[in-house]
């Protein structure tokens, strides 16, 4: 089952990732004025993120795009407000349309753009990232989600037939063939869990490429996350500023936020355990006691072994404020 078809209620980690993103936006754009912004993303058939953006931030000026006209028709049916627009458009054509999109919403000056990729067509995706970045301006926010599943680079024993030294080396060779101009030259092997960091470094190279094309622009990482609901994903969010602008964006106080990124590879790993409401209630009583006492309070392991359970509880403790509220039915 692809990520597009997994029911949203079965994707708690993506839910948490989206909630952190909304928290981020409250810190970035509310001080500047939400009335300045248009939210643009690949909304999917139910426009879940558009609803979240409207409900939490009040942004009515929204656009969703998709190549499938039937999908666009379904999006129009599911719009959170009548102000939202849904159009047939590819992510490759989006960069050239950003000014036209702003013109569709009179008085709006800035965009929040989210390219949410699920496939591993990395060369075109990185090219689209660069082309989108160079068309942004001071005060904009850019976000990209990439498939970081190592199986997309090496499934099974194919590395043996290719004559590679091992699967880690084969992954690096295959990724180099896909995005050579965006792959750091020191990446010679990619471990089973190392792809998110490598892709984050590759995004940084794409950003440097965009800055070389538009020397006045600066792109600062503000939130980098990785999660797994089936396939491992990486999401990178950055702000756009202009060196000639007097306003500092993001503001200096933003660095006090718990999840503020300290660099492109400062990745927040989201691994939410699947919990009943009763289990959550028990854990919440011990949320400040540390993972070992939380585990003892449960009296059972919520993951496959003790180490995995402790890691899951650390993640729950860190992200419990964003935990899905729709998990209220006990089996």
Protein backbone atom coordinates (compact mmCIF):
# COMPACT_ATOMS: atom_id res chain seq x y z
CA UNK A 1 0.00 0.00 0.00
CA UNK A 2 1.45 3.36 -0.99
CA UNK A 3 1.63 6.32 1.35
CA UNK A 4 -1.07 8.02 -0.72
CA UNK A 5 -3.55 5.24 0.04
CA UNK A 6 -2.86 4.56 3.72
CA UNK A 7 -5.81 5.91 5.75
CA UNK A 8 -4.72 9.03 7.59
CA UNK A 9 -5.75 7.66 10.97
CA UNK A 10 -3.18 4.88 10.50
CA UNK A 11 -0.32 7.36 10.06
CA UNK A 12 0.28 8.79 13.55
CA UNK A 13 3.88 9.81 12.83
CA UNK A 14 2.88 11.88 9.80
CA UNK A 15 0.13 13.42 11.93
CA UNK A 16 2.68 14.44 14.57
CA UNK A 17 5.01 15.76 11.88
CA UNK A 18 2.21 17.94 10.50
CA UNK A 19 1.27 19.24 13.96
CA UNK A 20 4.87 20.26 14.65
CA UNK A 21 4.89 22.04 11.29
CA UNK A 22 1.79 24.00 12.27
CA UNK A 23 3.42 24.91 15.59
CA UNK A 24 6.43 26.08 13.59
CA UNK A 25 4.26 28.30 11.39
CA UNK A 26 2.66 29.96 14.40
CA UNK A 27 6.15 31.04 15.45
CA UNK A 28 7.28 32.10 11.98
CA UNK A 29 4.36 33.81 10.29
CA UNK A 30 1.91 34.88 13.00
CA UNK A 31 4.26 37.69 14.10
CA UNK A 32 4.50 38.84 10.44
CA UNK A 33 0.73 38.57 9.83
CA UNK A 34 -1.07 35.52 8.50
CA UNK A 35 -3.06 37.80 6.19
CA UNK A 36 0.06 38.08 4.01
CA UNK A 37 0.26 34.38 3.20
CA UNK A 38 -1.02 31.87 0.67
CA UNK A 39 -0.64 28.19 1.51
CA UNK A 40 0.32 26.00 -1.47
CA UNK A 41 0.70 22.23 -1.41
CA UNK A 42 -0.14 18.89 -2.99
CA UNK A 43 -3.20 18.51 -0.80
CA UNK A 44 -4.25 14.98 -1.67
CA UNK A 45 -7.86 14.01 -2.13
CA UNK A 46 -9.05 15.07 1.35
CA UNK A 47 -6.95 18.24 1.78
CA UNK A 48 -6.05 17.22 5.34
CA UNK A 49 -3.18 19.67 5.69
CA UNK A 50 -5.29 22.51 4.22
CA UNK A 51 -7.91 21.90 6.90
CA UNK A 52 -5.20 21.88 9.58
CA UNK A 53 -3.71 25.14 8.29
CA UNK A 54 -7.15 26.78 8.22
CA UNK A 55 -8.33 25.45 11.59
CA UNK A 56 -5.14 26.29 13.50
CA UNK A 57 -3.92 29.42 11.71
CA UNK A 58 -7.00 30.81 10.00
CA UNK A 59 -5.31 31.01 6.59
CA UNK A 60 -8.13 31.02 4.04
CA UNK A 61 -5.99 31.75 0.98
CA UNK A 62 -4.99 28.25 -0.08
CA UNK A 63 -4.14 26.38 -3.25
CA UNK A 64 -3.88 22.67 -3.88
CA UNK A 65 -2.59 21.15 -7.09
CA UNK A 66 -2.52 17.73 -8.72
CA UNK A 67 -2.07 16.39 -12.26
CA UNK A 68 -5.08 14.06 -12.02
CA UNK A 69 -8.21 16.02 -12.95
CA UNK A 70 -10.48 13.62 -11.06
CA UNK A 71 -8.31 14.15 -7.98
CA UNK A 72 -8.66 17.90 -8.45
CA UNK A 73 -12.45 17.54 -8.71
CA UNK A 74 -12.43 15.60 -5.44
CA UNK A 75 -10.26 18.26 -3.82
CA UNK A 76 -12.73 20.95 -4.88
CA UNK A 77 -15.49 18.96 -3.19
CA UNK A 78 -13.43 18.76 0.02
CA UNK A 79 -12.24 22.37 0.24
CA UNK A 80 -12.12 23.75 3.81
CA UNK A 81 -13.52 27.11 2.61
CA UNK A 82 -14.76 28.64 -0.60
CA UNK A 83 -11.58 30.72 -0.78
CA UNK A 84 -9.41 27.65 -1.41
CA UNK A 85 -8.51 26.89 -5.02
CA UNK A 86 -7.72 23.49 -6.54
CA UNK A 87 -6.07 23.32 -9.96
CA UNK A 88 -4.57 20.73 -12.31
CA UNK A 89 -0.81 21.34 -12.17
CA UNK A 90 2.39 19.32 -11.90
CA UNK A 91 5.08 19.98 -9.34
CA UNK A 92 7.48 20.56 -12.26
CA UNK A 93 5.30 23.42 -13.51
CA UNK A 94 4.71 24.96 -10.07
CA UNK A 95 7.82 27.20 -9.93
CA UNK A 96 6.82 29.14 -13.05
CA UNK A 97 3.30 29.62 -11.65
CA UNK A 98 4.13 31.05 -8.21
CA UNK A 99 3.67 34.69 -9.26
CA UNK A 100 0.41 33.78 -11.01
CA UNK A 101 -0.78 32.00 -7.86
CA UNK A 102 -0.12 35.10 -5.76
CA UNK A 103 -2.05 37.16 -8.31
CA UNK A 104 -5.04 34.87 -7.75
CA UNK A 105 -5.14 36.09 -4.14
CA UNK A 106 -5.06 39.91 -4.20
CA UNK A 107 -3.11 41.54 -1.40
CA UNK A 108 -1.08 38.44 -0.55
CA UNK A 109 2.69 38.85 -0.54
CA UNK A 110 4.12 35.54 0.63
CA UNK A 111 3.71 31.82 0.14
CA UNK A 112 4.12 28.70 2.23
CA UNK A 113 5.01 25.93 -0.24
CA UNK A 114 5.05 22.23 0.62
CA UNK A 115 6.26 19.70 -1.96
CA UNK A 116 5.14 16.37 -0.49
CA UNK A 117 6.76 13.60 -2.54
CA UNK A 118 6.07 9.91 -1.92
CA UNK A 119 7.94 8.34 -4.84
CA UNK A 120 11.72 7.98 -5.22
CA UNK A 121 12.05 9.92 -8.49
CA UNK A 122 14.82 11.90 -6.85
CA UNK A 123 16.52 13.61 -9.78
CA UNK A 124 13.39 15.44 -10.93
CA UNK A 125 12.42 16.17 -7.30
CA UNK A 126 15.73 17.84 -6.45
CA UNK A 127 15.57 19.82 -9.68
CA UNK A 128 12.07 20.98 -8.76
CA UNK A 129 13.31 21.96 -5.30
CA UNK A 130 15.97 24.23 -6.80
CA UNK A 131 13.59 25.73 -9.36
CA UNK A 132 11.03 26.46 -6.65
CA UNK A 133 13.53 27.97 -4.22
CA UNK A 134 14.92 30.47 -6.72
CA UNK A 135 11.42 31.88 -7.28
CA UNK A 136 10.71 32.52 -3.61
CA UNK A 137 11.29 35.76 -1.72
CA UNK A 138 11.82 37.21 1.72
CA UNK A 139 9.32 35.91 4.25
CA UNK A 140 8.38 32.76 2.34
CA UNK A 141 8.48 29.28 3.87
CA UNK A 142 9.50 26.18 1.90
CA UNK A 143 8.97 22.56 2.91
CA UNK A 144 9.82 19.33 1.11
CA UNK A 145 9.10 15.71 2.01
CA UNK A 146 11.29 13.02 0.43
CA UNK A 147 11.13 9.23 0.40
CA UNK A 148 14.00 8.06 2.66
CA UNK A 149 13.23 4.34 2.51
CA UNK A 150 16.54 2.45 1.99
CA UNK A 151 14.61 -0.23 0.06
CA UNK A 152 14.28 2.25 -2.81
CA UNK A 153 18.05 1.99 -3.25
CA UNK A 154 18.67 -1.65 -2.43
CA UNK A 155 15.99 -4.31 -2.19
CA UNK A 156 17.19 -7.78 -1.25
CA UNK A 157 20.53 -8.99 -2.60
CA UNK A 158 20.74 -6.98 -5.81
CA UNK A 159 24.04 -5.49 -4.60
CA UNK A 160 25.67 -8.89 -5.10
CA UNK A 161 24.74 -9.06 -8.78
CA UNK A 162 26.07 -5.54 -9.25
CA UNK A 163 29.45 -6.51 -7.82
CA UNK A 164 29.31 -4.01 -4.96
CA UNK A 165 31.26 -4.51 -1.74
CA UNK A 166 28.00 -4.58 0.22
CA UNK A 167 24.47 -3.13 0.39
CA UNK A 168 25.70 0.11 1.98
CA UNK A 169 28.12 0.74 -0.88
CA UNK A 170 25.48 -0.21 -3.44
CA UNK A 171 23.02 2.30 -1.99
CA UNK A 172 25.60 5.09 -2.29
CA UNK A 173 26.39 4.10 -5.89
CA UNK A 174 22.72 4.02 -6.84
CA UNK A 175 21.95 7.36 -5.18
CA UNK A 176 24.93 8.91 -6.93
CA UNK A 177 23.50 7.74 -10.25
CA UNK A 178 20.22 9.44 -9.35
CA UNK A 179 21.40 12.80 -7.94
CA UNK A 180 25.14 13.03 -8.51
CA UNK A 181 25.21 16.85 -8.54
CA UNK A 182 23.43 16.96 -5.18
CA UNK A 183 25.24 14.12 -3.40
CA UNK A 184 28.13 15.04 -1.05
CA UNK A 185 31.34 13.58 -2.46
CA UNK A 186 32.27 11.91 0.84
CA UNK A 187 29.18 9.67 0.78
CA UNK A 188 30.61 6.29 -0.18
CA UNK A 189 28.22 4.08 1.77
CA UNK A 190 24.72 4.44 3.21
CA UNK A 191 23.80 2.29 6.19
CA UNK A 192 20.37 0.76 6.78
CA UNK A 193 19.26 3.85 8.73
CA UNK A 194 21.57 6.44 7.16
CA UNK A 195 19.51 7.64 4.18
CA UNK A 196 17.66 10.48 5.98
CA UNK A 197 20.93 12.19 6.95
CA UNK A 198 22.36 11.76 3.45
CA UNK A 199 19.23 13.21 1.84
CA UNK A 200 19.25 16.11 4.32
CA UNK A 201 22.83 16.89 3.26
CA UNK A 202 21.71 16.64 -0.37
CA UNK A 203 18.94 19.16 0.29
CA UNK A 204 21.60 21.49 1.68
CA UNK A 205 23.55 21.18 -1.59
CA UNK A 206 20.37 21.93 -3.54
CA UNK A 207 19.90 25.04 -1.38
CA UNK A 208 23.47 26.16 -2.05
CA UNK A 209 22.78 25.71 -5.75
CA UNK A 210 19.71 27.95 -5.45
CA UNK A 211 21.69 30.58 -3.52
CA UNK A 212 24.31 30.60 -6.28
CA UNK A 213 21.57 31.35 -8.80
CA UNK A 214 19.90 33.96 -6.55
CA UNK A 215 22.80 35.48 -4.53
CA UNK A 216 20.51 37.76 -2.47
CA UNK A 217 18.51 34.86 -1.05
CA UNK A 218 19.35 32.89 2.07
CA UNK A 219 17.66 29.67 3.10
CA UNK A 220 17.76 28.67 6.74
CA UNK A 221 16.71 25.21 8.00
CA UNK A 222 14.12 25.65 10.75
CA UNK A 223 12.71 22.12 11.12
CA UNK A 224 14.05 18.76 9.92
CA UNK A 225 12.10 15.60 10.77
CA UNK A 226 12.08 11.93 9.89
CA UNK A 227 9.30 9.46 10.54
CA UNK A 228 8.04 6.08 9.39
CA UNK A 229 4.44 5.06 8.72
CA UNK A 230 5.29 2.18 6.40
CA UNK A 231 8.12 3.88 4.48
CA UNK A 232 10.77 6.09 6.08
CA UNK A 233 10.34 9.77 5.10
CA UNK A 234 12.41 12.93 5.54
CA UNK A 235 10.90 16.41 5.74
CA UNK A 236 12.96 19.60 5.57
CA UNK A 237 11.49 23.05 6.20
CA UNK A 238 13.41 26.28 5.62
CA UNK A 239 12.76 30.00 5.67
CA UNK A 240 13.61 32.42 2.89
CA UNK A 241 15.25 35.76 3.57
CA UNK A 242 16.80 38.50 1.45
CA UNK A 243 20.13 40.02 2.50
CA UNK A 244 18.87 43.49 1.50
CA UNK A 245 15.84 43.32 3.81
CA UNK A 246 16.06 44.99 7.20
CA UNK A 247 13.78 42.43 8.84
CA UNK A 248 15.41 39.35 10.33
CA UNK A 249 13.49 36.23 9.32
CA UNK A 250 13.15 34.09 11.30
CA UNK A 251 13.43 36.31 14.35
CA UNK A 252 16.22 35.77 16.85
CA UNK A 253 13.77 34.52 19.48
CA UNK A 254 12.81 31.59 17.21
CA UNK A 255 15.94 29.71 18.29
CA UNK A 256 14.35 29.19 21.72
CA UNK A 257 11.76 26.82 20.23
CA UNK A 258 12.42 23.22 21.34
CA UNK A 259 12.51 21.86 17.80
CA UNK A 260 14.36 24.72 16.10
CA UNK A 261 16.90 23.21 13.75
CA UNK A 262 20.58 23.84 14.46
CA UNK A 263 21.57 22.71 10.96
CA UNK A 264 20.49 20.70 7.94
CA UNK A 265 21.26 17.36 9.61
CA UNK A 266 19.72 18.20 13.00
CA UNK A 267 16.91 15.68 12.48
CA UNK A 268 14.00 15.21 14.87
CA UNK A 269 13.17 11.49 14.73
CA UNK A 270 9.45 10.82 15.26
CA UNK A 271 8.52 7.30 16.34
CA UNK A 272 5.13 7.31 18.03
CA UNK A 273 4.02 4.09 19.74
CA UNK A 274 0.48 2.95 19.00
CA UNK A 275 -1.38 3.46 22.27
CA UNK A 276 -4.90 3.14 23.59
CA UNK A 277 -6.43 6.08 25.44
CA UNK A 278 -5.97 4.21 28.73
CA UNK A 279 -2.27 3.64 27.96
CA UNK A 280 -1.82 7.31 27.10
CA UNK A 281 -3.50 8.33 30.34
CA UNK A 282 -1.12 6.13 32.35
CA UNK A 283 1.95 7.44 30.54
CA UNK A 284 0.86 11.05 30.92
CA UNK A 285 0.95 10.60 34.69
CA UNK A 286 4.63 9.65 34.43
CA UNK A 287 5.62 11.84 31.46
CA UNK A 288 8.38 13.61 33.42
CA UNK A 289 9.75 10.49 35.08
CA UNK A 290 11.87 9.22 32.19
CA UNK A 291 11.32 6.30 29.80
CA UNK A 292 12.32 3.55 32.25
CA UNK A 293 9.73 4.59 34.84
CA UNK A 294 7.17 5.10 32.10
CA UNK A 295 7.80 1.55 30.91
CA UNK A 296 7.51 0.23 34.46
CA UNK A 297 4.22 2.08 34.88
CA UNK A 298 2.81 0.32 31.83
CA UNK A 299 3.91 -3.14 32.95
CA UNK A 300 4.36 -4.35 29.36
CA UNK A 301 6.44 -3.48 26.31
CA UNK A 302 4.68 -1.32 23.69
CA UNK A 303 7.27 -2.28 21.06
CA UNK A 304 9.08 -5.47 19.99
CA UNK A 305 11.70 -5.41 22.77
CA UNK A 306 12.88 -3.33 25.72
CA UNK A 307 15.24 -1.09 23.75
CA UNK A 308 12.62 -0.39 21.10
CA UNK A 309 10.03 0.26 23.81
CA UNK A 310 12.28 2.74 25.59
CA UNK A 311 12.96 4.55 22.33
CA UNK A 312 9.22 4.68 21.58
CA UNK A 313 8.52 6.13 25.02
CA UNK A 314 11.27 8.74 24.60
CA UNK A 315 9.56 9.77 21.36
CA UNK A 316 6.16 9.84 23.06
CA UNK A 317 7.54 11.97 25.88
CA UNK A 318 9.07 14.41 23.41
CA UNK A 319 6.07 14.70 21.09
CA UNK A 320 3.08 13.82 23.29
CA UNK A 321 1.63 17.33 22.95
CA UNK A 322 1.16 16.62 19.23
CA UNK A 323 -0.11 13.07 19.65
CA UNK A 324 -3.14 12.11 17.53
CA UNK A 325 -6.38 12.80 19.34
CA UNK A 326 -8.30 10.46 17.02
CA UNK A 327 -6.87 7.39 18.78
CA UNK A 328 -9.67 7.05 21.26
CA UNK A 329 -11.13 3.60 20.56
CA UNK A 330 -9.72 0.73 22.61
CA UNK A 331 -9.46 -2.70 21.02
